[in-house]
Amino acid sequence: MKNSFRASALGIQHVLAMYAGAVIVPLIVGEALGLTSTQLTYLVSIDILMCGIATILQVVNNRFFGIGLPVVLGCTFTAVGPMIAIGGQYGISAIYGAILVSGLFVVLISKFFGSLVRFFPPVVTGSVVMIIGITLIPVAINNMGGGQGASDFGSLANVGLAFGTLLFIILVYKFSTGFMRAISILLGLIAGTIAASFMGKVDFTAVQEASYFHMVQPFYFGLPTFEWSAILTMILVAMVSLVESTGVYFALGDICEKDVKEEDLSKGYRAEGLAILLGGIFNAFPYTAFSQNVGLIQMSGVRSRKIIFIAAGMLITLGFVPKIAAMTTIIPSAVLGGAMVAMFGMVVSQGIKMLSKIIMESQENSMIIACSVGIGLGVTVVPDLFAQLPASMQILTSNGIVAGSLTAIALNIVFNMIPSRKKKPVQLSEQKV
């Protein structure tokens, strides 16, 4: 009895550690796409449920998929910006068409991805992460004002709530450690929503109307549509996520004292691809390994896969209860915006961290970063720059994340992979007098 209580407590801790990161993605994407409260409740519910299923796919270890390590999967934050851009340009159906194809792509290349990793060194992945973070900042600022198109946009109440939430998160992050610091975003959202409720800015209708149980529904938002630029974007996102997951696999292998071999990596990639495919079918999101749960395993010292199975079971159970999911949808846009500034800023910070060492290695790396981030941000700010190009070319240039990512990949090949002929220095004895 005591052991089962302890196991449950450890499982809940893993759920709490990843919960904010899991629910914030559907909240941000749904808000940006203007979904109704009912649709947003479904989106959060199915996301939580699919996080549990994706985690089980990865934790099991059979001949075909699953790395067999205590890894927790959640929706990748890298996909937020691309999904908002795709949804805004082509509609929500194109998001899920792109997710489906990218999931299939990951499954197909899972055996060979190890050899493709050389095209995604830190200079490329760091640049991509940084571009994604920078392009998300305007979304956060709009939400701080109350949401684009809001009648009270920029009001003192909205701005006060946004900065109050951000300040609360900063204080928790400053004066706490370990687990409390890990859930500072979640605590900030809760505190901000409580403050907003006293100001009469929280509508509980969605919670009252939500049912206590629902069944999942494939293609809830309609049949998927397929757009080449959207598909290419999500494939790039998936490959960056695989690179991030590889780091998590090796970190967990080290913690669990397990030698992670090439076959293990292939099964891990395949499990991730299957999770992305299921996300496309049930209108959830692309998934990746969550590093915050790795930190929790390191802190607690408990490396048992059983604990992760319990956490996954809890996530699946929560996913069938829309009433709980609806509670997250009542968060006011201004409160969400305050938390977004911290989260999106951390994405930029992560990109800088990935680039901090390699930028000093060579001037070529500096040029790769400069051009890719410049192109990515430039196309995002001025999307009509390449409007005169043929439609087939605009697949690669209409999205800042795609344009910046491809620039980074291409320049890395030019500077770091193609051998260059260097002139030999002229020796003094060889010079003509």
Protein backbone atom coordinates (compact mmCIF):
# COMPACT_ATOMS: atom_id res chain seq x y z
CA MET A 1 0.00 0.00 0.00
CA LYS A 2 2.81 2.35 0.97
CA ASN A 3 4.75 1.53 -2.22
CA SER A 4 1.72 2.09 -4.47
CA PHE A 5 1.03 5.45 -2.78
CA ARG A 6 4.68 6.46 -3.31
CA ALA A 7 4.55 5.35 -6.96
CA SER A 8 1.33 7.34 -7.50
CA ALA A 9 2.88 10.43 -5.88
CA LEU A 10 5.93 10.16 -8.16
CA GLY A 11 3.63 9.71 -11.17
CA ILE A 12 1.63 12.84 -10.24
CA GLN A 13 4.91 14.74 -9.92
CA HIS A 14 5.81 13.82 -13.51
CA VAL A 15 2.35 14.88 -14.72
CA LEU A 16 2.67 18.26 -12.96
CA ALA A 17 6.18 18.79 -14.33
CA MET A 18 5.02 18.44 -17.93
CA TYR A 19 1.39 19.60 -17.62
CA ALA A 20 1.96 23.31 -18.22
CA GLY A 21 4.16 22.59 -21.24
CA ALA A 22 1.56 20.16 -22.58
CA VAL A 23 -1.59 22.31 -22.26
CA ILE A 24 0.02 25.61 -23.22
CA VAL A 25 0.53 24.49 -26.83
CA PRO A 26 -3.18 23.85 -27.62
CA LEU A 27 -4.13 27.00 -25.68
CA ILE A 28 -1.77 29.20 -27.71
CA VAL A 29 -2.56 27.60 -31.07
CA GLY A 30 -6.32 27.49 -30.42
CA GLU A 31 -6.35 31.11 -29.27
CA ALA A 32 -4.39 32.22 -32.35
CA LEU A 33 -6.76 30.34 -34.70
CA GLY A 34 -9.88 31.72 -33.02
CA LEU A 35 -11.37 28.39 -31.90
CA THR A 36 -14.58 28.33 -29.87
CA SER A 37 -14.47 27.34 -26.18
CA THR A 38 -15.91 23.90 -27.07
CA GLN A 39 -13.27 23.32 -29.74
CA LEU A 40 -10.52 24.56 -27.43
CA THR A 41 -11.70 22.21 -24.66
CA TYR A 42 -11.54 19.28 -27.08
CA LEU A 43 -8.09 20.35 -28.27
CA VAL A 44 -6.70 20.44 -24.72
CA SER A 45 -8.38 17.12 -23.80
CA ILE A 46 -7.10 15.22 -26.82
CA ASP A 47 -3.64 16.71 -26.37
CA ILE A 48 -3.39 15.48 -22.76
CA LEU A 49 -4.70 12.03 -23.75
CA MET A 50 -2.29 11.73 -26.68
CA CYS A 51 0.65 12.78 -24.47
CA GLY A 52 -0.10 9.68 -22.38
CA ILE A 53 -0.39 7.39 -25.41
CA ALA A 54 2.78 8.84 -26.99
CA THR A 55 4.67 8.28 -23.72
CA ILE A 56 3.58 4.61 -23.58
CA LEU A 57 4.70 4.10 -27.20
CA GLN A 58 8.16 5.33 -26.20
CA VAL A 59 8.51 3.63 -22.79
CA VAL A 60 7.66 0.13 -24.06
CA ASN A 61 10.48 -1.80 -25.68
CA ASN A 62 9.68 -4.24 -28.49
CA ARG A 63 11.20 -5.18 -31.85
CA PHE A 64 9.55 -2.34 -33.75
CA PHE A 65 9.30 0.78 -31.57
CA GLY A 66 10.03 2.22 -28.13
CA ILE A 67 13.41 3.13 -26.68
CA GLY A 68 12.54 1.51 -23.33
CA LEU A 69 13.76 4.41 -21.18
CA PRO A 70 11.72 6.43 -18.63
CA VAL A 71 11.01 9.22 -21.13
CA VAL A 72 7.89 11.42 -21.13
CA LEU A 73 6.59 12.73 -24.44
CA GLY A 74 4.69 15.98 -24.86
CA CYS A 75 3.83 18.28 -27.73
CA THR A 76 6.87 20.05 -29.04
CA PHE A 77 6.98 23.80 -28.51
CA THR A 78 9.00 24.07 -31.71
CA ALA A 79 5.79 23.44 -33.66
CA VAL A 80 3.76 26.32 -32.17
CA GLY A 81 4.94 29.08 -34.53
CA PRO A 82 4.75 26.92 -37.67
CA MET A 83 1.23 25.66 -36.77
CA ILE A 84 -0.05 29.20 -36.20
CA ALA A 85 1.47 30.30 -39.53
CA ILE A 86 0.02 27.31 -41.41
CA GLY A 87 -3.41 27.71 -39.79
CA GLY A 88 -3.48 31.42 -40.59
CA GLN A 89 -2.57 30.87 -44.24
CA TYR A 90 -4.29 27.59 -45.16
CA GLY A 91 -6.67 26.76 -42.29
CA ILE A 92 -6.59 24.20 -39.49
CA SER A 93 -7.10 21.23 -41.86
CA ALA A 94 -3.71 21.97 -43.47
CA ILE A 95 -2.04 21.78 -40.04
CA TYR A 96 -3.17 18.19 -39.59
CA GLY A 97 -2.39 17.22 -43.16
CA ALA A 98 1.17 18.44 -42.60
CA ILE A 99 1.42 16.65 -39.22
CA LEU A 100 0.26 13.37 -40.78
CA VAL A 101 2.83 13.52 -43.57
CA SER A 102 5.63 14.55 -41.19
CA GLY A 103 4.77 11.63 -38.87
CA LEU A 104 4.89 9.20 -41.79
CA PHE A 105 8.18 10.76 -42.89
CA VAL A 106 9.71 10.21 -39.42
CA VAL A 107 8.58 6.56 -39.38
CA LEU A 108 10.13 5.99 -42.83
CA ILE A 109 13.49 7.63 -42.03
CA SER A 110 13.74 6.34 -38.44
CA LYS A 111 16.25 3.64 -39.43
CA PHE A 112 18.45 6.08 -41.33
CA PHE A 113 18.09 9.29 -39.31
CA GLY A 114 21.38 8.67 -37.54
CA SER A 115 23.19 9.35 -40.82
CA LEU A 116 21.06 12.47 -41.51
CA VAL A 117 21.93 14.05 -38.16
CA ARG A 118 25.10 15.46 -39.71
CA PHE A 119 22.91 17.90 -41.67
CA PHE A 120 21.51 19.20 -38.34
CA PRO A 121 24.53 20.15 -36.20
CA PRO A 122 24.06 22.64 -33.33
CA VAL A 123 24.64 25.62 -35.64
CA VAL A 124 21.54 24.58 -37.66
CA THR A 125 19.26 23.40 -34.85
CA GLY A 126 20.22 26.36 -32.64
CA SER A 127 19.45 28.80 -35.47
CA VAL A 128 16.08 27.12 -36.14
CA VAL A 129 15.09 27.20 -32.45
CA MET A 130 16.11 30.84 -32.21
CA ILE A 131 14.12 31.78 -35.34
CA ILE A 132 11.03 30.02 -33.98
CA GLY A 133 11.32 31.81 -30.63
CA ILE A 134 11.76 35.23 -32.22
CA THR A 135 8.79 34.78 -34.57
CA LEU A 136 6.56 33.83 -31.61
CA ILE A 137 7.17 37.02 -29.60
CA PRO A 138 4.53 39.09 -31.51
CA VAL A 139 1.91 36.45 -30.58
CA ALA A 140 2.76 36.96 -26.90
CA ILE A 141 2.62 40.75 -27.13
CA ASN A 142 -0.80 40.64 -28.85
CA ASN A 143 -2.13 38.43 -26.07
CA MET A 144 -0.73 40.75 -23.40
CA GLY A 145 -3.01 43.43 -24.79
CA GLY A 146 -6.03 41.14 -24.54
CA GLY A 147 -5.83 39.34 -27.88
CA GLN A 148 -5.80 40.72 -31.41
CA GLY A 149 -9.10 42.41 -32.23
CA ALA A 150 -10.25 42.61 -28.58
CA SER A 151 -12.49 45.61 -27.82
CA ASP A 152 -10.40 46.45 -24.73
CA PHE A 153 -7.04 45.80 -26.38
CA GLY A 154 -4.23 47.49 -24.47
CA SER A 155 -6.41 48.47 -21.52
CA LEU A 156 -4.74 49.02 -18.16
CA ALA A 157 -6.53 45.93 -16.79
CA ASN A 158 -5.11 43.69 -19.54
CA VAL A 159 -1.61 45.12 -19.40
CA GLY A 160 -1.63 44.97 -15.59
CA LEU A 161 -2.73 41.32 -15.61
CA ALA A 162 -0.08 40.42 -18.19
CA PHE A 163 2.81 42.06 -16.36
CA GLY A 164 1.49 40.88 -12.99
CA THR A 165 1.53 37.28 -14.26
CA LEU A 166 5.01 37.72 -15.70
CA LEU A 167 6.26 39.27 -12.43
CA PHE A 168 4.79 36.38 -10.41
CA ILE A 169 6.56 33.85 -12.65
CA ILE A 170 9.85 35.74 -12.31
CA LEU A 171 9.56 35.86 -8.49
CA VAL A 172 8.75 32.13 -8.25
CA TYR A 173 11.68 31.38 -10.56
CA LYS A 174 13.98 33.62 -8.49
CA PHE A 175 13.08 32.45 -4.99
CA SER A 176 12.35 28.75 -5.51
CA THR A 177 14.35 25.74 -6.61
CA GLY A 178 13.78 22.29 -8.05
CA PHE A 179 10.21 21.25 -8.65
CA MET A 180 8.59 24.59 -7.73
CA ARG A 181 10.82 26.37 -10.21
CA ALA A 182 9.96 23.75 -12.86
CA ILE A 183 6.23 24.55 -12.56
CA SER A 184 6.64 28.35 -12.24
CA ILE A 185 4.72 28.89 -15.51
CA LEU A 186 1.82 26.77 -14.27
CA LEU A 187 1.76 28.62 -10.94
CA GLY A 188 1.84 31.95 -12.77
CA LEU A 189 -1.14 30.98 -14.93
CA ILE A 190 -3.11 29.91 -11.85
CA ALA A 191 -2.26 33.09 -9.91
CA GLY A 192 -3.04 35.31 -12.91
CA THR A 193 -6.40 33.62 -13.51
CA ILE A 194 -7.37 33.98 -9.82
CA ALA A 195 -6.51 37.69 -9.96
CA ALA A 196 -8.48 38.05 -13.21
CA SER A 197 -11.52 36.37 -11.64
CA PHE A 198 -11.63 39.08 -8.93
CA MET A 199 -11.61 41.64 -11.74
CA GLY A 200 -14.56 39.92 -13.44
CA LYS A 201 -12.50 38.88 -16.47
CA VAL A 202 -12.94 35.10 -16.16
CA ASP A 203 -15.89 33.38 -17.85
CA PHE A 204 -16.71 29.99 -16.27
CA THR A 205 -19.31 29.09 -18.93
CA ALA A 206 -16.96 26.66 -20.69
CA VAL A 207 -16.41 24.70 -17.46
CA GLN A 208 -20.13 24.58 -16.65
CA GLU A 209 -21.03 23.38 -20.15
CA ALA A 210 -18.24 20.80 -20.46
CA SER A 211 -19.19 17.17 -19.87
CA TYR A 212 -17.49 14.87 -17.38
CA PHE A 213 -16.64 12.28 -20.05
CA HIS A 214 -16.25 12.18 -23.82
CA MET A 215 -14.98 9.84 -26.49
CA VAL A 216 -12.18 10.87 -28.79
CA GLN A 217 -13.07 11.50 -32.41
CA PRO A 218 -10.73 11.08 -35.40
CA PHE A 219 -10.52 14.16 -37.63
CA TYR A 220 -12.61 16.23 -35.22
CA PHE A 221 -11.78 19.40 -37.20
CA GLY A 222 -12.54 17.82 -40.58
CA LEU A 223 -10.56 15.87 -43.12
CA PRO A 224 -6.95 17.00 -43.53
CA THR A 225 -5.75 18.99 -46.53
CA PHE A 226 -2.22 18.94 -47.90
CA GLU A 227 -0.13 21.99 -48.81
CA TRP A 228 3.50 21.57 -49.85
CA SER A 229 4.88 24.51 -47.88
CA ALA A 230 2.99 23.39 -44.75
CA ILE A 231 4.28 19.82 -45.15
CA LEU A 232 7.87 20.98 -45.63
CA THR A 233 7.58 23.19 -42.56
CA MET A 234 6.35 20.36 -40.34
CA ILE A 235 8.99 17.94 -41.66
CA LEU A 236 11.67 20.46 -40.66
CA VAL A 237 10.04 20.83 -37.24
CA ALA A 238 9.93 17.03 -36.85
CA MET A 239 13.62 16.65 -37.72
CA VAL A 240 14.65 19.38 -35.28
CA SER A 241 12.53 17.63 -32.62
CA LEU A 242 14.29 14.33 -33.36
CA VAL A 243 17.65 15.99 -32.82
CA GLU A 244 16.40 17.37 -29.46
CA SER A 245 15.01 13.94 -28.51
CA THR A 246 18.36 12.31 -29.32
CA GLY A 247 19.97 14.44 -26.63
CA VAL A 248 17.26 13.36 -24.14
CA TYR A 249 17.76 9.67 -25.05
CA PHE A 250 21.49 9.86 -24.37
CA ALA A 251 20.95 11.83 -21.15
CA LEU A 252 18.48 9.21 -19.86
CA GLY A 253 20.77 6.40 -21.01
CA ASP A 254 23.52 7.93 -18.90
CA ILE A 255 21.22 8.36 -15.86
CA CYS A 256 19.85 4.79 -16.19
CA GLU A 257 23.30 3.35 -16.97
CA LYS A 258 22.09 1.92 -20.26
CA ASP A 259 24.18 1.93 -23.43
CA VAL A 260 21.96 3.53 -26.07
CA LYS A 261 22.74 1.83 -29.39
CA GLU A 262 21.84 2.74 -32.96
CA GLU A 263 18.99 0.20 -32.96
CA ASP A 264 17.56 1.78 -29.77
CA LEU A 265 17.66 5.21 -31.39
CA SER A 266 15.83 3.90 -34.48
CA LYS A 267 13.06 2.43 -32.30
CA GLY A 268 12.86 5.70 -30.37
CA TYR A 269 12.52 7.73 -33.58
CA ARG A 270 9.89 5.28 -34.87
CA ALA A 271 7.84 5.63 -31.68
CA GLU A 272 8.00 9.40 -32.05
CA GLY A 273 6.86 9.14 -35.67
CA LEU A 274 3.92 6.93 -34.67
CA ALA A 275 2.98 9.46 -31.96
CA ILE A 276 3.02 12.28 -34.53
CA LEU A 277 0.87 10.19 -36.89
CA LEU A 278 -1.69 9.55 -34.16
CA GLY A 279 -1.59 13.24 -33.32
CA GLY A 280 -2.55 14.05 -36.91
CA ILE A 281 -5.41 11.53 -36.94
CA PHE A 282 -6.94 12.65 -33.63
CA ASN A 283 -6.19 16.37 -34.15
CA ALA A 284 -3.48 16.64 -31.50
CA PHE A 285 0.10 17.75 -32.10
CA PRO A 286 3.66 16.61 -32.97
CA TYR A 287 5.46 15.09 -29.97
CA THR A 288 8.96 15.11 -28.60
CA ALA A 289 10.80 13.97 -25.47
CA PHE A 290 10.36 16.42 -22.56
CA SER A 291 13.64 17.42 -20.95
CA GLN A 292 11.96 18.77 -17.78
CA ASN A 293 11.02 15.22 -16.83
CA VAL A 294 14.62 14.14 -17.29
CA GLY A 295 15.59 16.74 -14.71
CA LEU A 296 12.91 15.36 -12.38
CA ILE A 297 14.29 11.83 -12.72
CA GLN A 298 17.76 13.15 -11.94
CA MET A 299 16.47 15.05 -8.88
CA SER A 300 14.36 12.19 -7.48
CA GLY A 301 16.80 9.41 -8.36
CA VAL A 302 13.85 7.17 -9.32
CA ARG A 303 14.56 5.67 -12.75
CA SER A 304 11.76 3.10 -12.93
CA ARG A 305 9.69 2.89 -16.11
CA LYS A 306 6.76 1.85 -13.93
CA ILE A 307 6.48 5.44 -12.63
CA ILE A 308 6.30 6.77 -16.19
CA PHE A 309 3.62 4.21 -17.07
CA ILE A 310 1.59 5.46 -14.08
CA ALA A 311 2.04 9.08 -15.23
CA ALA A 312 0.97 8.11 -18.77
CA GLY A 313 -2.13 6.38 -17.37
CA MET A 314 -3.02 9.53 -15.44
CA LEU A 315 -2.66 11.66 -18.58
CA ILE A 316 -4.92 9.31 -20.57
CA THR A 317 -7.55 9.38 -17.79
CA LEU A 318 -7.45 13.20 -17.64
CA GLY A 319 -7.84 13.31 -21.42
CA PHE A 320 -11.26 11.65 -21.19
CA VAL A 321 -12.56 14.31 -18.76
CA PRO A 322 -13.38 17.53 -20.68
CA LYS A 323 -14.43 19.26 -17.46
CA ILE A 324 -10.78 19.34 -16.34
CA ALA A 325 -9.58 20.44 -19.78
CA ALA A 326 -12.17 23.25 -19.81
CA MET A 327 -10.64 24.70 -16.64
CA THR A 328 -7.50 25.56 -18.63
CA THR A 329 -9.51 27.33 -21.37
CA ILE A 330 -10.84 30.02 -19.01
CA ILE A 331 -7.40 31.61 -18.67
CA PRO A 332 -7.74 35.19 -19.98
CA SER A 333 -5.65 36.15 -23.02
CA ALA A 334 -3.74 38.79 -21.04
CA VAL A 335 -2.68 36.24 -18.40
CA LEU A 336 -1.66 33.83 -21.15
CA GLY A 337 0.30 36.62 -22.84
CA GLY A 338 2.31 37.36 -19.70
CA ALA A 339 3.30 33.70 -19.41
CA MET A 340 4.02 33.54 -23.17
CA VAL A 341 6.68 36.25 -22.91
CA ALA A 342 8.61 34.08 -20.44
CA MET A 343 8.06 30.88 -22.44
CA PHE A 344 8.85 32.26 -25.88
CA GLY A 345 11.79 34.17 -24.45
CA MET A 346 13.07 30.86 -23.06
CA VAL A 347 12.83 29.38 -26.57
CA VAL A 348 15.05 32.22 -27.84
CA SER A 349 17.32 31.69 -24.83
CA GLN A 350 17.58 27.97 -25.61
CA GLY A 351 18.60 28.82 -29.17
CA ILE A 352 21.26 31.23 -27.88
CA LYS A 353 22.50 28.57 -25.44
CA MET A 354 22.81 26.05 -28.29
CA LEU A 355 24.75 28.61 -30.36
CA SER A 356 26.90 30.13 -27.61
CA LYS A 357 29.78 27.68 -27.94
CA ILE A 358 29.80 27.03 -31.65
CA ILE A 359 29.61 30.73 -32.58
CA MET A 360 33.15 31.08 -31.20
CA GLU A 361 34.48 28.10 -33.13
CA SER A 362 34.63 29.83 -36.50
CA GLN A 363 33.64 32.95 -38.39
CA GLU A 364 31.77 30.68 -40.80
CA ASN A 365 29.37 29.65 -38.03
CA SER A 366 28.76 33.32 -37.24
CA MET A 367 27.85 33.93 -40.88
CA ILE A 368 25.46 30.92 -40.93
CA ILE A 369 23.65 32.21 -37.83
CA ALA A 370 23.58 35.82 -39.05
CA CYS A 371 22.10 35.00 -42.45
CA SER A 372 19.61 32.33 -41.34
CA VAL A 373 18.20 34.34 -38.42
CA GLY A 374 18.15 37.48 -40.58
CA ILE A 375 16.27 35.76 -43.42
CA GLY A 376 13.89 33.99 -41.03
CA LEU A 377 12.95 37.15 -39.15
CA GLY A 378 12.90 39.27 -42.31
CA VAL A 379 10.46 37.03 -44.17
CA THR A 380 8.25 36.86 -41.05
CA VAL A 381 8.10 40.67 -40.78
CA VAL A 382 7.82 41.29 -44.55
CA PRO A 383 5.99 38.22 -45.93
CA ASP A 384 5.46 39.84 -49.37
CA LEU A 385 9.19 40.04 -50.10
CA PHE A 386 9.06 37.06 -52.49
CA ALA A 387 5.51 37.59 -53.77
CA GLN A 388 6.76 37.98 -57.37
CA LEU A 389 8.44 34.57 -57.44
CA PRO A 390 6.73 31.56 -59.08
CA ALA A 391 4.27 29.70 -56.83
CA SER A 392 6.56 26.65 -56.78
CA MET A 393 9.39 28.77 -55.33
CA GLN A 394 7.12 30.44 -52.77
CA ILE A 395 6.73 27.04 -51.09
CA LEU A 396 10.25 27.64 -49.75
CA THR A 397 10.07 31.41 -49.21
CA SER A 398 6.57 32.23 -47.91
CA ASN A 399 7.29 31.11 -44.35
CA GLY A 400 10.06 32.71 -42.28
CA ILE A 401 10.80 29.53 -40.35
CA VAL A 402 11.19 27.47 -43.54
CA ALA A 403 13.24 30.17 -45.29
CA GLY A 404 15.54 30.64 -42.29
CA SER A 405 15.91 26.90 -41.65
CA LEU A 406 16.77 26.10 -45.26
CA THR A 407 19.26 28.99 -45.27
CA ALA A 408 20.97 27.49 -42.20
CA ILE A 409 21.08 23.99 -43.74
CA ALA A 410 22.40 25.26 -47.08
CA LEU A 411 25.07 27.52 -45.55
CA ASN A 412 26.20 24.76 -43.19
CA ILE A 413 26.77 22.51 -46.22
CA VAL A 414 28.66 25.31 -48.02
CA PHE A 415 30.87 26.34 -45.09
CA ASN A 416 31.27 23.17 -43.03
CA MET A 417 30.70 20.17 -45.31
CA ILE A 418 32.14 21.06 -48.73
CA PRO A 419 35.96 20.88 -48.59
CA SER A 420 37.58 24.22 -49.30
CA ARG A 421 40.96 24.80 -50.84
CA LYS A 422 43.07 26.99 -48.62
CA LYS A 423 46.07 28.85 -49.96
CA LYS A 424 49.38 27.81 -48.51
CA PRO A 425 51.22 30.65 -46.79
CA VAL A 426 54.23 31.85 -48.79
CA GLN A 427 57.47 30.98 -47.04
CA LEU A 428 60.08 33.71 -46.74
CA SER A 429 62.69 31.53 -48.46
CA GLU A 430 60.40 31.09 -51.47
CA GLN A 431 59.97 34.82 -52.07
CA LYS A 432 61.90 36.32 -54.95
CA VAL A 433 64.38 38.97 -53.99
